[in-house]
Amino acid sequence: MTAPHDASGVHTVIGVDAGLADLRDADHLVHDLADALGLSPDTLGRPAGVIACTHLIRTPDHRGTAVSLALPDPDMAETTWHRLAALHRPNLTATLGPRRLGPPEGTRPATLAATEHAHRRSGRAVLFPGAAHLTGTVTVADLLTLTAIDRLTVLGHPSPTDQPPAPTTRILTRDHIRPEWQTGHLTLALLPAPDNTLAPFEVPDPTPCCAGHS
């Protein structure tokens, strides 16, 4: 990954919970919030862009899927927080640092999502810098150069040196790429595919979510 797409400048993360049960609904929520909060594709594609993730929440008192929005600087986080509050959606709870939207007892899923993303321990990225480039077939070199993804793993083919596949290896994106935070790296899991290509481990179900979004 090249320096312009380094996400290390992300200092503020908003967690949001809408009581959703599955990933597909959470993907729709991410795109809906991006539109409603003015996080346009151009903004998301800039070098220090937004990374929006889904999170499976499993606690003794809650099972569902929350989302997180990592903003590149405090000013953008503040603006986004006020826009979120102005939506007046009673089904949403949200957190930004110590601040809460909704009853304190109902914001724990949002807090967990924000914390996991802030520490880059987990989070399945739906929107991230460079995602618009990942359509059709791309090479490993282009994926790592043009997007915020900075690590690739090929399931069933562990690399003792942690090296990615050859730069010229083709990846069949299926127009559906969902990397995940793992130990501080935005990591894309891949599987071997026909003709010496690779394909993402996660497949669209049944078709790419929000096909009208870039």
N, C-alpha and C. Protein backbone atom coordinates (compact mmCIF):
# COMPACT_ATOMS: atom_id res chain seq x y z
N MET A 1 0.84 -1.19 0.00
CA MET A 1 0.00 0.00 0.00
C MET A 1 0.87 1.24 0.00
N THR A 2 0.50 2.24 -0.78
CA THR A 2 1.27 3.46 -0.84
C THR A 2 0.88 4.40 0.28
N ALA A 3 1.77 5.32 0.63
CA ALA A 3 1.56 6.21 1.76
C ALA A 3 0.28 7.03 1.69
N PRO A 4 -0.15 7.55 0.52
CA PRO A 4 -1.36 8.36 0.50
C PRO A 4 -2.60 7.65 1.02
N HIS A 5 -2.63 6.31 1.01
CA HIS A 5 -3.81 5.60 1.49
C HIS A 5 -3.63 5.07 2.90
N ASP A 6 -2.55 5.45 3.59
CA ASP A 6 -2.33 5.00 4.95
C ASP A 6 -3.43 5.54 5.84
N ALA A 7 -4.11 4.64 6.55
CA ALA A 7 -5.23 5.04 7.40
C ALA A 7 -4.79 5.42 8.80
N SER A 8 -3.48 5.58 9.04
CA SER A 8 -3.02 5.87 10.38
C SER A 8 -3.45 7.22 10.88
N GLY A 9 -3.96 8.10 10.01
CA GLY A 9 -4.45 9.40 10.44
C GLY A 9 -5.85 9.37 11.00
N VAL A 10 -6.49 8.20 11.04
CA VAL A 10 -7.84 8.12 11.58
C VAL A 10 -7.77 8.20 13.09
N HIS A 11 -8.38 9.26 13.66
CA HIS A 11 -8.33 9.47 15.10
C HIS A 11 -9.70 9.37 15.75
N THR A 12 -10.76 9.39 14.97
CA THR A 12 -12.09 9.44 15.56
C THR A 12 -13.01 8.47 14.84
N VAL A 13 -13.74 7.70 15.63
CA VAL A 13 -14.62 6.68 15.08
C VAL A 13 -16.00 6.80 15.72
N ILE A 14 -17.03 6.86 14.88
CA ILE A 14 -18.42 6.88 15.33
C ILE A 14 -18.98 5.47 15.21
N GLY A 15 -19.58 4.98 16.29
CA GLY A 15 -20.27 3.70 16.26
C GLY A 15 -21.77 3.93 16.14
N VAL A 16 -22.43 3.10 15.35
CA VAL A 16 -23.88 3.23 15.12
C VAL A 16 -24.52 1.85 15.21
N ASP A 17 -25.67 1.79 15.90
CA ASP A 17 -26.43 0.55 15.96
C ASP A 17 -27.88 0.83 15.63
N ALA A 18 -28.46 -0.01 14.78
CA ALA A 18 -29.88 0.14 14.41
C ALA A 18 -30.65 -1.15 14.68
N GLY A 19 -30.10 -2.01 15.52
CA GLY A 19 -30.79 -3.24 15.85
C GLY A 19 -30.86 -4.23 14.70
N LEU A 20 -29.86 -4.21 13.83
CA LEU A 20 -29.89 -5.08 12.65
C LEU A 20 -29.35 -6.46 12.98
N ALA A 21 -29.83 -7.45 12.21
CA ALA A 21 -29.46 -8.83 12.50
C ALA A 21 -28.39 -9.38 11.57
N ASP A 22 -28.34 -8.90 10.32
CA ASP A 22 -27.42 -9.55 9.38
C ASP A 22 -26.57 -8.54 8.63
N LEU A 23 -25.55 -9.07 7.96
CA LEU A 23 -24.57 -8.24 7.27
C LEU A 23 -25.17 -7.48 6.10
N ARG A 24 -26.05 -8.10 5.37
CA ARG A 24 -26.61 -7.42 4.20
C ARG A 24 -27.37 -6.17 4.61
N ASP A 25 -28.17 -6.26 5.68
CA ASP A 25 -28.86 -5.07 6.17
C ASP A 25 -27.86 -4.03 6.66
N ALA A 26 -26.79 -4.48 7.28
CA ALA A 26 -25.77 -3.53 7.75
C ALA A 26 -25.07 -2.85 6.59
N ASP A 27 -24.82 -3.58 5.50
CA ASP A 27 -24.25 -2.96 4.30
C ASP A 27 -25.16 -1.85 3.79
N HIS A 28 -26.46 -2.12 3.75
CA HIS A 28 -27.41 -1.10 3.31
C HIS A 28 -27.37 0.11 4.24
N LEU A 29 -27.26 -0.13 5.55
CA LEU A 29 -27.20 0.98 6.50
C LEU A 29 -25.96 1.83 6.25
N VAL A 30 -24.82 1.20 5.99
CA VAL A 30 -23.59 1.95 5.71
C VAL A 30 -23.79 2.88 4.52
N HIS A 31 -24.33 2.36 3.42
CA HIS A 31 -24.55 3.19 2.23
C HIS A 31 -25.58 4.28 2.50
N ASP A 32 -26.62 3.95 3.25
CA ASP A 32 -27.64 4.94 3.59
C ASP A 32 -27.06 6.07 4.41
N LEU A 33 -26.25 5.73 5.41
CA LEU A 33 -25.62 6.77 6.23
C LEU A 33 -24.62 7.59 5.43
N ALA A 34 -23.86 6.94 4.56
CA ALA A 34 -22.91 7.69 3.73
C ALA A 34 -23.63 8.75 2.90
N ASP A 35 -24.78 8.40 2.34
CA ASP A 35 -25.56 9.37 1.56
C ASP A 35 -26.13 10.46 2.46
N ALA A 36 -26.73 10.05 3.58
CA ALA A 36 -27.42 11.00 4.44
C ALA A 36 -26.46 11.96 5.14
N LEU A 37 -25.24 11.51 5.40
CA LEU A 37 -24.27 12.32 6.14
C LEU A 37 -23.31 13.07 5.23
N GLY A 38 -23.52 12.98 3.93
CA GLY A 38 -22.67 13.72 3.01
C GLY A 38 -21.30 13.11 2.82
N LEU A 39 -21.17 11.81 3.08
CA LEU A 39 -19.89 11.13 2.86
C LEU A 39 -19.92 10.55 1.45
N SER A 40 -19.75 11.41 0.48
CA SER A 40 -19.89 11.04 -0.93
C SER A 40 -18.76 10.13 -1.36
N PRO A 41 -18.93 9.42 -2.49
CA PRO A 41 -17.84 8.58 -3.00
C PRO A 41 -16.54 9.33 -3.20
N ASP A 42 -16.62 10.61 -3.63
CA ASP A 42 -15.39 11.38 -3.83
C ASP A 42 -14.65 11.55 -2.51
N THR A 43 -15.40 11.88 -1.45
CA THR A 43 -14.77 12.03 -0.15
C THR A 43 -14.18 10.71 0.31
N LEU A 44 -14.93 9.64 0.14
CA LEU A 44 -14.46 8.33 0.59
C LEU A 44 -13.24 7.88 -0.20
N GLY A 45 -13.05 8.40 -1.40
CA GLY A 45 -11.95 7.97 -2.22
C GLY A 45 -10.69 8.79 -2.07
N ARG A 46 -10.75 9.84 -1.28
CA ARG A 46 -9.55 10.66 -1.10
C ARG A 46 -8.52 9.91 -0.26
N PRO A 47 -7.25 10.34 -0.33
CA PRO A 47 -6.21 9.61 0.39
C PRO A 47 -6.50 9.39 1.86
N ALA A 48 -7.02 10.41 2.55
CA ALA A 48 -7.33 10.27 3.98
C ALA A 48 -8.83 10.13 4.15
N GLY A 49 -9.42 9.16 3.48
CA GLY A 49 -10.87 9.04 3.44
C GLY A 49 -11.46 8.29 4.62
N VAL A 50 -12.77 8.15 4.55
CA VAL A 50 -13.54 7.45 5.56
C VAL A 50 -13.46 5.94 5.32
N ILE A 51 -13.41 5.19 6.42
CA ILE A 51 -13.54 3.74 6.34
C ILE A 51 -14.76 3.35 7.17
N ALA A 52 -15.74 2.73 6.53
CA ALA A 52 -16.98 2.33 7.19
C ALA A 52 -17.04 0.82 7.27
N CYS A 53 -17.27 0.29 8.48
CA CYS A 53 -17.23 -1.15 8.71
C CYS A 53 -18.51 -1.67 9.35
N THR A 54 -18.73 -2.97 9.18
CA THR A 54 -19.76 -3.67 9.93
C THR A 54 -19.08 -4.52 10.99
N HIS A 55 -19.83 -4.79 12.08
CA HIS A 55 -19.28 -5.55 13.20
C HIS A 55 -20.34 -6.50 13.74
N LEU A 56 -20.01 -7.78 13.83
CA LEU A 56 -20.89 -8.73 14.50
C LEU A 56 -20.74 -8.54 16.00
N ILE A 57 -21.83 -8.25 16.68
CA ILE A 57 -21.81 -8.03 18.12
C ILE A 57 -22.42 -9.25 18.80
N ARG A 58 -21.63 -9.88 19.65
CA ARG A 58 -22.10 -11.06 20.38
C ARG A 58 -21.78 -10.88 21.86
N THR A 59 -22.77 -10.46 22.64
CA THR A 59 -22.63 -10.31 24.08
C THR A 59 -23.77 -11.08 24.74
N PRO A 60 -23.69 -11.29 26.06
CA PRO A 60 -24.78 -12.01 26.73
C PRO A 60 -26.15 -11.37 26.55
N ASP A 61 -26.18 -10.04 26.36
CA ASP A 61 -27.48 -9.37 26.26
C ASP A 61 -27.78 -8.81 24.87
N HIS A 62 -26.92 -9.09 23.89
CA HIS A 62 -27.17 -8.53 22.56
C HIS A 62 -26.50 -9.39 21.49
N ARG A 63 -27.26 -9.67 20.44
CA ARG A 63 -26.71 -10.34 19.25
C ARG A 63 -27.21 -9.58 18.03
N GLY A 64 -26.30 -9.06 17.24
CA GLY A 64 -26.70 -8.30 16.07
C GLY A 64 -25.49 -7.79 15.32
N THR A 65 -25.72 -6.81 14.46
CA THR A 65 -24.65 -6.24 13.63
C THR A 65 -24.71 -4.72 13.73
N ALA A 66 -23.62 -4.12 14.18
CA ALA A 66 -23.50 -2.67 14.27
C ALA A 66 -22.52 -2.19 13.20
N VAL A 67 -22.41 -0.87 13.05
CA VAL A 67 -21.48 -0.32 12.06
C VAL A 67 -20.61 0.75 12.70
N SER A 68 -19.52 1.07 12.04
CA SER A 68 -18.62 2.12 12.51
C SER A 68 -18.17 2.97 11.34
N LEU A 69 -17.95 4.25 11.62
CA LEU A 69 -17.47 5.20 10.62
C LEU A 69 -16.19 5.83 11.16
N ALA A 70 -15.06 5.52 10.55
CA ALA A 70 -13.79 6.10 10.96
C ALA A 70 -13.52 7.34 10.12
N LEU A 71 -13.42 8.48 10.80
CA LEU A 71 -13.21 9.76 10.12
C LEU A 71 -11.74 10.16 10.21
N PRO A 72 -11.24 10.88 9.22
CA PRO A 72 -9.81 11.17 9.16
C PRO A 72 -9.33 12.24 10.12
N ASP A 73 -10.23 13.07 10.66
CA ASP A 73 -9.79 14.12 11.56
C ASP A 73 -10.94 14.54 12.46
N PRO A 74 -10.65 15.19 13.60
CA PRO A 74 -11.70 15.57 14.54
C PRO A 74 -12.75 16.50 13.95
N ASP A 75 -12.35 17.42 13.08
CA ASP A 75 -13.33 18.34 12.50
C ASP A 75 -14.37 17.60 11.68
N MET A 76 -13.93 16.65 10.86
CA MET A 76 -14.88 15.88 10.06
C MET A 76 -15.76 15.01 10.95
N ALA A 77 -15.17 14.47 12.02
CA ALA A 77 -15.95 13.66 12.95
C ALA A 77 -17.02 14.51 13.62
N GLU A 78 -16.66 15.72 14.01
CA GLU A 78 -17.63 16.61 14.67
C GLU A 78 -18.77 16.95 13.73
N THR A 79 -18.44 17.29 12.50
CA THR A 79 -19.48 17.61 11.51
C THR A 79 -20.39 16.41 11.27
N THR A 80 -19.79 15.25 11.12
CA THR A 80 -20.58 14.04 10.87
C THR A 80 -21.47 13.71 12.06
N TRP A 81 -20.96 13.89 13.27
CA TRP A 81 -21.75 13.63 14.48
C TRP A 81 -22.98 14.52 14.54
N HIS A 82 -22.81 15.80 14.25
CA HIS A 82 -23.96 16.71 14.29
C HIS A 82 -24.96 16.38 13.20
N ARG A 83 -24.48 15.99 12.04
CA ARG A 83 -25.40 15.59 10.97
C ARG A 83 -26.17 14.33 11.36
N LEU A 84 -25.49 13.41 12.01
CA LEU A 84 -26.15 12.18 12.45
C LEU A 84 -27.24 12.49 13.47
N ALA A 85 -26.93 13.37 14.42
CA ALA A 85 -27.93 13.74 15.43
C ALA A 85 -29.13 14.42 14.79
N ALA A 86 -28.88 15.19 13.73
CA ALA A 86 -29.95 15.93 13.06
C ALA A 86 -30.87 15.04 12.24
N LEU A 87 -30.48 13.79 12.02
CA LEU A 87 -31.34 12.88 11.25
C LEU A 87 -32.59 12.51 12.03
N HIS A 88 -32.51 12.57 13.36
CA HIS A 88 -33.67 12.26 14.22
C HIS A 88 -34.27 10.90 13.87
N ARG A 89 -33.42 9.89 13.87
CA ARG A 89 -33.89 8.54 13.61
C ARG A 89 -33.96 7.78 14.95
N PRO A 90 -35.16 7.57 15.46
CA PRO A 90 -35.28 6.96 16.79
C PRO A 90 -34.76 5.53 16.86
N ASN A 91 -34.61 4.87 15.71
CA ASN A 91 -34.12 3.49 15.74
C ASN A 91 -32.60 3.41 15.82
N LEU A 92 -31.91 4.55 15.73
CA LEU A 92 -30.45 4.57 15.77
C LEU A 92 -29.94 4.96 17.15
N THR A 93 -28.92 4.26 17.61
CA THR A 93 -28.11 4.73 18.73
C THR A 93 -26.69 4.90 18.22
N ALA A 94 -25.95 5.82 18.82
CA ALA A 94 -24.61 6.11 18.30
C ALA A 94 -23.71 6.60 19.42
N THR A 95 -22.40 6.47 19.19
CA THR A 95 -21.41 6.96 20.13
C THR A 95 -20.26 7.61 19.37
N LEU A 96 -19.68 8.61 20.00
CA LEU A 96 -18.43 9.23 19.53
C LEU A 96 -17.65 9.59 20.78
N GLY A 97 -16.64 8.82 21.11
CA GLY A 97 -15.95 9.03 22.37
C GLY A 97 -16.93 8.89 23.52
N PRO A 98 -17.00 9.89 24.41
CA PRO A 98 -17.93 9.79 25.55
C PRO A 98 -19.36 10.20 25.21
N ARG A 99 -19.58 10.69 24.01
CA ARG A 99 -20.92 11.19 23.65
C ARG A 99 -21.82 10.07 23.18
N ARG A 100 -23.12 10.24 23.45
CA ARG A 100 -24.10 9.21 23.13
C ARG A 100 -25.32 9.82 22.47
N LEU A 101 -25.87 9.08 21.51
CA LEU A 101 -27.20 9.35 20.98
C LEU A 101 -28.06 8.15 21.36
N GLY A 102 -29.12 8.39 22.11
CA GLY A 102 -29.95 7.29 22.57
C GLY A 102 -29.66 6.97 24.02
N PRO A 103 -30.45 6.09 24.62
CA PRO A 103 -30.28 5.75 26.04
C PRO A 103 -28.96 5.04 26.28
N PRO A 104 -28.28 5.34 27.40
CA PRO A 104 -26.96 4.74 27.66
C PRO A 104 -26.97 3.22 27.59
N GLU A 105 -28.04 2.59 28.10
CA GLU A 105 -28.07 1.13 28.09
C GLU A 105 -28.22 0.56 26.69
N GLY A 106 -28.63 1.41 25.74
CA GLY A 106 -28.82 0.94 24.37
C GLY A 106 -27.67 1.23 23.44
N THR A 107 -26.63 1.88 23.94
CA THR A 107 -25.52 2.28 23.06
C THR A 107 -24.32 1.34 23.14
N ARG A 108 -24.42 0.29 23.93
CA ARG A 108 -23.25 -0.60 24.07
C ARG A 108 -22.83 -1.22 22.74
N PRO A 109 -23.73 -1.72 21.89
CA PRO A 109 -23.27 -2.27 20.60
C PRO A 109 -22.51 -1.25 19.77
N ALA A 110 -23.00 0.00 19.73
CA ALA A 110 -22.31 1.04 18.98
C ALA A 110 -20.93 1.32 19.57
N THR A 111 -20.85 1.33 20.91
CA THR A 111 -19.57 1.56 21.57
C THR A 111 -18.58 0.44 21.25
N LEU A 112 -19.05 -0.80 21.29
CA LEU A 112 -18.17 -1.93 20.96
C LEU A 112 -17.65 -1.83 19.53
N ALA A 113 -18.54 -1.48 18.60
CA ALA A 113 -18.12 -1.36 17.20
C ALA A 113 -17.06 -0.27 17.04
N ALA A 114 -17.30 0.89 17.65
CA ALA A 114 -16.35 2.00 17.54
C ALA A 114 -15.00 1.63 18.15
N THR A 115 -15.03 0.96 19.30
CA THR A 115 -13.78 0.59 19.98
C THR A 115 -12.97 -0.40 19.15
N GLU A 116 -13.64 -1.43 18.62
CA GLU A 116 -12.94 -2.42 17.81
C GLU A 116 -12.31 -1.78 16.57
N HIS A 117 -13.05 -0.86 15.93
CA HIS A 117 -12.51 -0.21 14.74
C HIS A 117 -11.36 0.72 15.11
N ALA A 118 -11.52 1.49 16.18
CA ALA A 118 -10.47 2.44 16.57
C ALA A 118 -9.15 1.73 16.84
N HIS A 119 -9.22 0.52 17.39
CA HIS A 119 -8.00 -0.24 17.68
C HIS A 119 -7.62 -1.18 16.54
N ARG A 120 -8.42 -1.16 15.47
CA ARG A 120 -8.15 -1.98 14.28
C ARG A 120 -8.03 -3.47 14.61
N ARG A 121 -8.88 -3.89 15.55
CA ARG A 121 -8.90 -5.30 15.91
C ARG A 121 -9.88 -6.09 15.05
N SER A 122 -10.98 -5.45 14.66
CA SER A 122 -11.97 -6.12 13.83
C SER A 122 -12.80 -5.07 13.11
N GLY A 123 -13.57 -5.53 12.15
CA GLY A 123 -14.39 -4.64 11.35
C GLY A 123 -14.29 -5.03 9.89
N ARG A 124 -15.42 -5.24 9.28
CA ARG A 124 -15.50 -5.66 7.87
C ARG A 124 -15.80 -4.41 7.05
N ALA A 125 -14.84 -3.97 6.24
CA ALA A 125 -14.94 -2.68 5.57
C ALA A 125 -15.86 -2.76 4.35
N VAL A 126 -16.87 -1.91 4.35
CA VAL A 126 -17.80 -1.80 3.22
C VAL A 126 -17.38 -0.64 2.32
N LEU A 127 -16.99 0.46 2.93
CA LEU A 127 -16.48 1.63 2.21
C LEU A 127 -15.07 1.92 2.71
N PHE A 128 -14.16 2.16 1.78
CA PHE A 128 -12.78 2.44 2.15
C PHE A 128 -12.10 3.12 0.96
N PRO A 129 -11.03 3.87 1.20
CA PRO A 129 -10.34 4.56 0.10
C PRO A 129 -9.93 3.60 -1.00
N GLY A 130 -10.27 3.98 -2.22
CA GLY A 130 -9.89 3.19 -3.38
C GLY A 130 -10.86 2.09 -3.76
N ALA A 131 -11.94 1.91 -2.99
CA ALA A 131 -12.88 0.82 -3.27
C ALA A 131 -13.47 0.92 -4.67
N ALA A 132 -13.62 2.13 -5.19
CA ALA A 132 -14.22 2.30 -6.51
C ALA A 132 -13.39 1.67 -7.62
N HIS A 133 -12.10 1.43 -7.35
CA HIS A 133 -11.24 0.81 -8.36
C HIS A 133 -11.46 -0.70 -8.47
N LEU A 134 -12.15 -1.28 -7.50
CA LEU A 134 -12.20 -2.74 -7.41
C LEU A 134 -13.44 -3.30 -8.09
N THR A 135 -13.46 -3.22 -9.40
CA THR A 135 -14.52 -3.81 -10.21
C THR A 135 -13.89 -4.70 -11.27
N GLY A 136 -14.64 -5.69 -11.71
CA GLY A 136 -14.11 -6.58 -12.73
C GLY A 136 -12.89 -7.33 -12.23
N THR A 137 -11.84 -7.36 -13.05
CA THR A 137 -10.61 -8.06 -12.71
C THR A 137 -9.49 -7.05 -12.50
N VAL A 138 -8.78 -7.17 -11.40
CA VAL A 138 -7.66 -6.28 -11.10
C VAL A 138 -6.45 -7.13 -10.73
N THR A 139 -5.28 -6.53 -10.79
CA THR A 139 -4.08 -7.25 -10.37
C THR A 139 -3.81 -7.00 -8.89
N VAL A 140 -3.03 -7.88 -8.32
CA VAL A 140 -2.61 -7.69 -6.93
C VAL A 140 -1.90 -6.35 -6.77
N ALA A 141 -1.05 -6.00 -7.72
CA ALA A 141 -0.31 -4.74 -7.64
C ALA A 141 -1.25 -3.55 -7.60
N ASP A 142 -2.26 -3.54 -8.48
CA ASP A 142 -3.19 -2.41 -8.51
C ASP A 142 -4.00 -2.35 -7.22
N LEU A 143 -4.44 -3.49 -6.72
CA LEU A 143 -5.24 -3.49 -5.50
C LEU A 143 -4.46 -2.89 -4.33
N LEU A 144 -3.21 -3.30 -4.18
CA LEU A 144 -2.41 -2.82 -3.06
C LEU A 144 -1.96 -1.37 -3.24
N THR A 145 -1.85 -0.92 -4.48
CA THR A 145 -1.40 0.45 -4.75
C THR A 145 -2.54 1.45 -4.67
N LEU A 146 -3.71 1.07 -5.15
CA LEU A 146 -4.80 2.02 -5.33
C LEU A 146 -5.80 2.05 -4.19
N THR A 147 -5.70 1.13 -3.24
CA THR A 147 -6.70 1.07 -2.18
C THR A 147 -6.05 1.07 -0.80
N ALA A 148 -6.90 1.15 0.22
CA ALA A 148 -6.42 1.13 1.60
C ALA A 148 -6.10 -0.27 2.09
N ILE A 149 -6.41 -1.29 1.31
CA ILE A 149 -6.07 -2.67 1.69
C ILE A 149 -4.54 -2.81 1.70
N ASP A 150 -4.00 -3.31 2.81
CA ASP A 150 -2.54 -3.40 2.87
C ASP A 150 -2.02 -4.80 3.16
N ARG A 151 -2.93 -5.78 3.19
CA ARG A 151 -2.46 -7.16 3.36
C ARG A 151 -3.43 -8.12 2.69
N LEU A 152 -2.88 -9.15 2.03
CA LEU A 152 -3.68 -10.19 1.39
C LEU A 152 -3.32 -11.54 2.00
N THR A 153 -4.32 -12.37 2.20
CA THR A 153 -4.08 -13.74 2.63
C THR A 153 -4.80 -14.67 1.67
N VAL A 154 -4.14 -15.74 1.29
CA VAL A 154 -4.75 -16.74 0.41
C VAL A 154 -5.04 -17.97 1.26
N LEU A 155 -6.31 -18.24 1.51
CA LEU A 155 -6.70 -19.33 2.37
C LEU A 155 -6.25 -20.66 1.77
N GLY A 156 -5.66 -21.49 2.62
CA GLY A 156 -5.16 -22.78 2.15
C GLY A 156 -3.75 -22.72 1.61
N HIS A 157 -3.20 -21.51 1.50
CA HIS A 157 -1.83 -21.34 1.00
C HIS A 157 -1.08 -20.36 1.89
N PRO A 158 -0.80 -20.75 3.14
CA PRO A 158 -0.09 -19.83 4.04
C PRO A 158 1.31 -19.54 3.54
N SER A 159 1.71 -18.30 3.73
CA SER A 159 3.04 -17.89 3.30
C SER A 159 3.91 -17.65 4.53
N PRO A 160 4.97 -18.43 4.73
CA PRO A 160 5.81 -18.26 5.92
C PRO A 160 6.47 -16.91 5.99
N THR A 161 6.63 -16.26 4.87
CA THR A 161 7.25 -14.93 4.87
C THR A 161 6.23 -13.81 4.83
N ASP A 162 4.93 -14.17 4.89
CA ASP A 162 3.85 -13.19 4.89
C ASP A 162 3.89 -12.31 3.65
N GLN A 163 4.35 -12.87 2.53
CA GLN A 163 4.41 -12.13 1.29
C GLN A 163 3.09 -12.27 0.53
N PRO A 164 2.64 -11.21 -0.14
CA PRO A 164 1.41 -11.31 -0.92
C PRO A 164 1.64 -12.13 -2.18
N PRO A 165 0.57 -12.51 -2.88
CA PRO A 165 0.74 -13.18 -4.16
C PRO A 165 1.53 -12.29 -5.12
N ALA A 166 2.00 -12.86 -6.20
CA ALA A 166 2.78 -12.11 -7.19
C ALA A 166 2.00 -10.89 -7.67
N PRO A 167 2.67 -9.77 -7.89
CA PRO A 167 1.98 -8.53 -8.28
C PRO A 167 1.10 -8.66 -9.51
N THR A 168 1.46 -9.54 -10.42
CA THR A 168 0.69 -9.67 -11.66
C THR A 168 -0.50 -10.63 -11.53
N THR A 169 -0.65 -11.27 -10.39
CA THR A 169 -1.76 -12.20 -10.20
C THR A 169 -3.09 -11.46 -10.32
N ARG A 170 -4.01 -12.04 -11.06
CA ARG A 170 -5.31 -11.40 -11.27
C ARG A 170 -6.30 -11.80 -10.17
N ILE A 171 -7.09 -10.83 -9.75
CA ILE A 171 -8.13 -11.05 -8.75
C ILE A 171 -9.49 -10.79 -9.39
N LEU A 172 -10.37 -11.77 -9.34
CA LEU A 172 -11.73 -11.63 -9.86
C LEU A 172 -12.59 -11.02 -8.76
N THR A 173 -12.83 -9.72 -8.81
CA THR A 173 -13.46 -9.04 -7.68
C THR A 173 -14.93 -9.39 -7.49
N ARG A 174 -15.62 -9.79 -8.56
CA ARG A 174 -17.07 -10.00 -8.52
C ARG A 174 -17.80 -8.74 -8.04
N ASP A 175 -17.10 -7.59 -8.15
CA ASP A 175 -17.66 -6.30 -7.73
C ASP A 175 -18.12 -6.34 -6.27
N HIS A 176 -17.42 -7.10 -5.45
CA HIS A 176 -17.81 -7.25 -4.04
C HIS A 176 -16.55 -7.55 -3.23
N ILE A 177 -15.97 -6.50 -2.65
CA ILE A 177 -14.73 -6.64 -1.88
C ILE A 177 -15.00 -6.17 -0.45
N ARG A 178 -14.75 -7.03 0.52
CA ARG A 178 -14.99 -6.69 1.93
C ARG A 178 -13.76 -7.09 2.76
N PRO A 179 -12.72 -6.26 2.78
CA PRO A 179 -11.57 -6.55 3.63
C PRO A 179 -11.94 -6.37 5.10
N GLU A 180 -11.12 -6.91 5.99
CA GLU A 180 -11.38 -6.82 7.42
C GLU A 180 -10.13 -6.36 8.15
N TRP A 181 -10.36 -5.61 9.25
CA TRP A 181 -9.24 -5.25 10.12
C TRP A 181 -8.78 -6.50 10.87
N GLN A 182 -7.49 -6.78 10.79
CA GLN A 182 -6.87 -7.88 11.53
C GLN A 182 -5.51 -7.43 12.01
N THR A 183 -5.35 -7.37 13.32
CA THR A 183 -4.08 -6.96 13.95
C THR A 183 -3.50 -5.70 13.31
N GLY A 184 -4.36 -4.72 13.10
CA GLY A 184 -3.90 -3.43 12.60
C GLY A 184 -3.80 -3.30 11.10
N HIS A 185 -4.08 -4.35 10.36
CA HIS A 185 -3.99 -4.31 8.90
C HIS A 185 -5.36 -4.52 8.27
N LEU A 186 -5.65 -3.76 7.22
CA LEU A 186 -6.87 -3.97 6.46
C LEU A 186 -6.58 -5.12 5.49
N THR A 187 -7.14 -6.28 5.80
CA THR A 187 -6.74 -7.54 5.18
C THR A 187 -7.86 -8.11 4.32
N LEU A 188 -7.50 -8.54 3.11
CA LEU A 188 -8.47 -9.18 2.23
C LEU A 188 -8.15 -10.67 2.12
N ALA A 189 -9.12 -11.50 2.49
CA ALA A 189 -8.96 -12.94 2.38
C ALA A 189 -9.37 -13.39 0.97
N LEU A 190 -8.52 -14.21 0.36
CA LEU A 190 -8.73 -14.67 -1.01
C LEU A 190 -8.72 -16.19 -1.08
N LEU A 191 -9.31 -16.70 -2.15
CA LEU A 191 -9.30 -18.13 -2.45
C LEU A 191 -8.75 -18.35 -3.85
N PRO A 192 -8.08 -19.46 -4.10
CA PRO A 192 -7.68 -19.78 -5.47
C PRO A 192 -8.91 -19.92 -6.37
N ALA A 193 -8.80 -19.44 -7.60
CA ALA A 193 -9.89 -19.49 -8.57
C ALA A 193 -9.33 -20.06 -9.88
N PRO A 194 -10.20 -20.35 -10.85
CA PRO A 194 -9.72 -20.95 -12.10
C PRO A 194 -8.68 -20.10 -12.83
N ASP A 195 -7.87 -20.76 -13.63
CA ASP A 195 -6.88 -20.11 -14.50
C ASP A 195 -5.86 -19.29 -13.71
N ASN A 196 -5.45 -19.82 -12.56
CA ASN A 196 -4.40 -19.18 -11.75
C ASN A 196 -4.79 -17.78 -11.28
N THR A 197 -6.08 -17.57 -11.07
CA THR A 197 -6.55 -16.30 -10.52
C THR A 197 -6.92 -16.50 -9.06
N LEU A 198 -7.31 -15.39 -8.43
CA LEU A 198 -7.79 -15.41 -7.05
C LEU A 198 -9.15 -14.74 -7.01
N ALA A 199 -9.93 -15.05 -5.98
CA ALA A 199 -11.23 -14.41 -5.79
C ALA A 199 -11.45 -14.17 -4.30
N PRO A 200 -12.20 -13.14 -3.94
CA PRO A 200 -12.46 -12.87 -2.52
C PRO A 200 -13.15 -14.05 -1.85
N PHE A 201 -12.82 -14.29 -0.59
CA PHE A 201 -13.45 -15.35 0.18
C PHE A 201 -14.95 -15.08 0.34
N GLU A 202 -15.32 -13.82 0.60
CA GLU A 202 -16.73 -13.48 0.74
C GLU A 202 -17.36 -13.29 -0.63
N VAL A 203 -18.47 -13.96 -0.85
CA VAL A 203 -19.17 -13.83 -2.13
C VAL A 203 -20.42 -12.98 -1.92
N PRO A 204 -20.87 -12.26 -2.97
CA PRO A 204 -22.11 -11.50 -2.86
C PRO A 204 -23.29 -12.44 -2.65
N ASP A 205 -24.23 -12.03 -1.81
CA ASP A 205 -25.35 -12.90 -1.47
C ASP A 205 -26.67 -12.13 -1.54
N PRO A 206 -27.45 -12.34 -2.61
CA PRO A 206 -27.14 -13.13 -3.80
C PRO A 206 -26.45 -12.29 -4.87
N THR A 207 -26.53 -10.97 -4.75
CA THR A 207 -25.88 -10.05 -5.68
C THR A 207 -25.24 -8.96 -4.86
N PRO A 208 -24.27 -8.22 -5.41
CA PRO A 208 -23.62 -7.16 -4.65
C PRO A 208 -24.62 -6.20 -4.04
N CYS A 209 -24.42 -5.88 -2.76
CA CYS A 209 -25.31 -4.96 -2.06
C CYS A 209 -25.24 -3.58 -2.67
N CYS A 210 -26.39 -2.94 -2.74
CA CYS A 210 -26.46 -1.55 -3.16
C CYS A 210 -25.73 -1.36 -4.48
N ALA A 211 -26.16 -2.07 -5.50
CA ALA A 211 -25.45 -2.06 -6.78
C ALA A 211 -25.34 -0.68 -7.39
N GLY A 212 -26.20 0.24 -6.99
CA GLY A 212 -26.14 1.58 -7.55
C GLY A 212 -25.06 2.43 -6.94
N HIS A 213 -24.44 1.95 -5.86
CA HIS A 213 -23.39 2.73 -5.21
C HIS A 213 -22.05 2.38 -5.83
N SER A 214 -21.15 3.35 -5.82
CA SER A 214 -19.82 3.08 -6.35
C SER A 214 -18.94 2.49 -5.27
